[in-house]
Amino acid sequence: MDDLTDRSQFRIGDFLVMQDRLIVVRDGQEIKFEPRWMEVLVMLAEHAGETLSTERLLIEVWRSTVYGDNPVQKAISGLQKSIGDAPRESRYIETVPRLGYRLIAPVSFPEIRPHI
């Protein structure tokens, strides 16, 4: 998957992710995210379909493993709750028991039309 850090917008399923503004938009509704939640979401999108371990998320997003896995669980839970994704019936972020998390919704890039 692409490195999304240079993209200000991309889609995950029916959501428009505007990472520079820390928001996700669906049906005209803006959902504000904490910066770390957005980092986790972007990392999951960069590796869509791939299971990312809690340890890898801690290292890459929190830059450490001294936190234990609680911040990752809190971030995933917050993301799922914010976007209305039920953990047991995931449409976006799937929990893979004892392995980690994976983004199961498709990632796409909206056409950027030049303003004339």
C-alpha atoms as a PDB file:
ATOM      1  CA  MET A   1       0.000   0.000   0.000  1.00  0.00           C
ATOM      2  CA  ASP A   2       1.034   3.606  -0.489  1.00  0.00           C
ATOM      3  CA  ASP A   3       2.664   5.790   2.112  1.00  0.00           C
ATOM      4  CA  LEU A   4      -0.314   7.981   3.011  1.00  0.00           C
ATOM      5  CA  THR A   5       1.570  10.568   5.049  1.00  0.00           C
ATOM      6  CA  ASP A   6       1.850  12.813   1.978  1.00  0.00           C
ATOM      7  CA  ARG A   7      -1.838  12.550   1.113  1.00  0.00           C
ATOM      8  CA  SER A   8      -4.226  14.914   2.821  1.00  0.00           C
ATOM      9  CA  GLN A   9      -7.290  12.866   1.850  1.00  0.00           C
ATOM     10  CA  PHE A  10      -8.206   9.271   1.109  1.00  0.00           C
ATOM     11  CA  ARG A  11     -11.230   7.027   1.508  1.00  0.00           C
ATOM     12  CA  ILE A  12     -11.827   4.058   3.741  1.00  0.00           C
ATOM     13  CA  GLY A  13     -15.091   2.483   2.650  1.00  0.00           C
ATOM     14  CA  ASP A  14     -17.706   5.246   2.735  1.00  0.00           C
ATOM     15  CA  PHE A  15     -15.562   7.563   4.892  1.00  0.00           C
ATOM     16  CA  LEU A  16     -13.450  10.428   3.607  1.00  0.00           C
ATOM     17  CA  VAL A  17     -10.352  10.680   5.786  1.00  0.00           C
ATOM     18  CA  MET A  18      -8.898  14.186   6.032  1.00  0.00           C
ATOM     19  CA  GLN A  19      -5.793  13.453   8.044  1.00  0.00           C
ATOM     20  CA  ASP A  20      -4.406  16.996   7.992  1.00  0.00           C
ATOM     21  CA  ARG A  21      -7.617  18.197   9.699  1.00  0.00           C
ATOM     22  CA  LEU A  22      -7.897  15.140  11.998  1.00  0.00           C
ATOM     23  CA  ILE A  23     -11.413  14.407  10.775  1.00  0.00           C
ATOM     24  CA  VAL A  24     -13.328  11.678   9.011  1.00  0.00           C
ATOM     25  CA  VAL A  25     -16.440  12.597   7.032  1.00  0.00           C
ATOM     26  CA  ARG A  26     -19.407  10.346   6.247  1.00  0.00           C
ATOM     27  CA  ASP A  27     -22.710  11.560   4.842  1.00  0.00           C
ATOM     28  CA  GLY A  28     -21.640  15.169   5.455  1.00  0.00           C
ATOM     29  CA  GLN A  29     -21.033  14.449   9.150  1.00  0.00           C
ATOM     30  CA  GLU A  30     -17.574  15.328  10.492  1.00  0.00           C
ATOM     31  CA  ILE A  31     -16.050  13.102  13.160  1.00  0.00           C
ATOM     32  CA  LYS A  32     -13.078  14.625  14.990  1.00  0.00           C
ATOM     33  CA  PHE A  33     -10.191  12.303  15.880  1.00  0.00           C
ATOM     34  CA  GLU A  34      -7.366  12.578  18.359  1.00  0.00           C
ATOM     35  CA  PRO A  35      -3.950  12.812  16.641  1.00  0.00           C
ATOM     36  CA  ARG A  36      -2.847   9.324  17.734  1.00  0.00           C
ATOM     37  CA  TRP A  37      -6.134   7.812  16.539  1.00  0.00           C
ATOM     38  CA  MET A  38      -5.491   9.320  13.114  1.00  0.00           C
ATOM     39  CA  GLU A  39      -1.939   7.953  13.108  1.00  0.00           C
ATOM     40  CA  VAL A  40      -3.274   4.467  13.899  1.00  0.00           C
ATOM     41  CA  LEU A  41      -5.947   4.766  11.201  1.00  0.00           C
ATOM     42  CA  VAL A  42      -3.402   5.932   8.608  1.00  0.00           C
ATOM     43  CA  MET A  43      -1.055   3.088   9.492  1.00  0.00           C
ATOM     44  CA  LEU A  44      -3.868   0.550   9.195  1.00  0.00           C
ATOM     45  CA  ALA A  45      -4.830   2.072   5.826  1.00  0.00           C
ATOM     46  CA  GLU A  46      -1.236   1.904   4.592  1.00  0.00           C
ATOM     47  CA  HIS A  47      -1.316  -1.822   5.387  1.00  0.00           C
ATOM     48  CA  ALA A  48      -4.964  -2.524   4.486  1.00  0.00           C
ATOM     49  CA  GLY A  49      -5.835  -6.196   4.729  1.00  0.00           C
ATOM     50  CA  GLU A  50      -2.656  -6.939   6.692  1.00  0.00           C
ATOM     51  CA  THR A  51      -2.772  -7.772  10.408  1.00  0.00           C
ATOM     52  CA  LEU A  52      -0.645  -5.329  12.421  1.00  0.00           C
ATOM     53  CA  SER A  53       0.452  -6.419  15.867  1.00  0.00           C
ATOM     54  CA  THR A  54      -0.104  -4.298  18.938  1.00  0.00           C
ATOM     55  CA  GLU A  55       3.674  -4.176  19.392  1.00  0.00           C
ATOM     56  CA  ARG A  56       4.211  -2.835  15.867  1.00  0.00           C
ATOM     57  CA  LEU A  57       1.566  -0.144  16.373  1.00  0.00           C
ATOM     58  CA  LEU A  58       3.191   0.836  19.682  1.00  0.00           C
ATOM     59  CA  ILE A  59       6.615   1.097  18.084  1.00  0.00           C
ATOM     60  CA  GLU A  60       5.492   3.011  15.000  1.00  0.00           C
ATOM     61  CA  VAL A  61       2.807   5.284  16.476  1.00  0.00           C
ATOM     62  CA  TRP A  62       3.873   5.707  20.104  1.00  0.00           C
ATOM     63  CA  ARG A  63       7.595   5.234  19.287  1.00  0.00           C
ATOM     64  CA  SER A  64       7.968   2.870  22.260  1.00  0.00           C
ATOM     65  CA  THR A  65       6.722  -0.356  23.816  1.00  0.00           C
ATOM     66  CA  VAL A  66       6.946   0.803  27.432  1.00  0.00           C
ATOM     67  CA  TYR A  67       3.244   1.655  27.411  1.00  0.00           C
ATOM     68  CA  GLY A  68       2.034  -1.967  27.246  1.00  0.00           C
ATOM     69  CA  ASP A  69      -0.773  -2.689  24.797  1.00  0.00           C
ATOM     70  CA  ASN A  70      -3.427  -0.561  26.536  1.00  0.00           C
ATOM     71  CA  PRO A  71      -2.984   2.622  24.436  1.00  0.00           C
ATOM     72  CA  VAL A  72      -3.432   0.620  21.239  1.00  0.00           C
ATOM     73  CA  GLN A  73      -6.570  -1.062  22.559  1.00  0.00           C
ATOM     74  CA  LYS A  74      -7.930   2.332  23.671  1.00  0.00           C
ATOM     75  CA  ALA A  75      -7.167   3.897  20.274  1.00  0.00           C
ATOM     76  CA  ILE A  76      -8.767   1.023  18.331  1.00  0.00           C
ATOM     77  CA  SER A  77     -11.795   1.069  20.617  1.00  0.00           C
ATOM     78  CA  GLY A  78     -12.103   4.847  20.209  1.00  0.00           C
ATOM     79  CA  LEU A  79     -11.808   4.586  16.429  1.00  0.00           C
ATOM     80  CA  GLN A  80     -14.410   1.825  16.237  1.00  0.00           C
ATOM     81  CA  LYS A  81     -16.825   3.694  18.483  1.00  0.00           C
ATOM     82  CA  SER A  82     -16.356   6.972  16.575  1.00  0.00           C
ATOM     83  CA  ILE A  83     -17.123   5.421  13.197  1.00  0.00           C
ATOM     84  CA  GLY A  84     -19.871   3.125  14.456  1.00  0.00           C
ATOM     85  CA  ASP A  85     -17.936  -0.085  13.870  1.00  0.00           C
ATOM     86  CA  ALA A  86     -19.062  -2.922  16.138  1.00  0.00           C
ATOM     87  CA  PRO A  87     -16.061  -4.984  17.304  1.00  0.00           C
ATOM     88  CA  ARG A  88     -17.901  -8.297  16.854  1.00  0.00           C
ATOM     89  CA  GLU A  89     -19.354  -7.357  13.444  1.00  0.00           C
ATOM     90  CA  SER A  90     -16.568  -5.239  12.007  1.00  0.00           C
ATOM     91  CA  ARG A  91     -16.962  -3.485   8.679  1.00  0.00           C
ATOM     92  CA  TYR A  92     -13.817  -1.381   8.979  1.00  0.00           C
ATOM     93  CA  ILE A  93     -11.322  -2.409  11.674  1.00  0.00           C
ATOM     94  CA  GLU A  94     -11.140  -6.069  12.593  1.00  0.00           C
ATOM     95  CA  THR A  95      -9.603  -7.371  15.807  1.00  0.00           C
ATOM     96  CA  VAL A  96      -7.614 -10.532  15.172  1.00  0.00           C
ATOM     97  CA  PRO A  97      -7.445 -12.277  18.570  1.00  0.00           C
ATOM     98  CA  ARG A  98      -3.903 -12.550  19.955  1.00  0.00           C
ATOM     99  CA  LEU A  99      -2.439 -11.194  16.702  1.00  0.00           C
ATOM    100  CA  GLY A 100      -3.491  -7.564  16.286  1.00  0.00           C
ATOM    101  CA  TYR A 101      -5.743  -5.457  14.093  1.00  0.00           C
ATOM    102  CA  ARG A 102      -6.438  -5.072  10.409  1.00  0.00           C
ATOM    103  CA  LEU A 103      -8.350  -2.690   8.191  1.00  0.00           C
ATOM    104  CA  ILE A 104     -10.869  -4.709   6.183  1.00  0.00           C
ATOM    105  CA  ALA A 105     -12.628  -1.865   4.342  1.00  0.00           C
ATOM    106  CA  PRO A 106     -11.286  -0.845   0.925  1.00  0.00           C
ATOM    107  CA  VAL A 107      -8.913   2.117   0.718  1.00  0.00           C
ATOM    108  CA  SER A 108      -9.237   4.435  -2.286  1.00  0.00           C
ATOM    109  CA  PHE A 109      -8.140   7.843  -3.393  1.00  0.00           C
ATOM    110  CA  PRO A 110     -10.642  10.488  -4.510  1.00  0.00           C
ATOM    111  CA  GLU A 111     -10.083  12.288  -7.755  1.00  0.00           C
ATOM    112  CA  ILE A 112      -8.578  15.665  -7.013  1.00  0.00           C
ATOM    113  CA  ARG A 113      -9.953  18.122  -9.538  1.00  0.00           C
ATOM    114  CA  PRO A 114      -7.971  21.292 -10.158  1.00  0.00           C
ATOM    115  CA  HIS A 115      -9.751  24.525  -9.306  1.00  0.00           C
ATOM    116  CA  ILE A 116     -10.074  26.674 -12.401  1.00  0.00           C
END
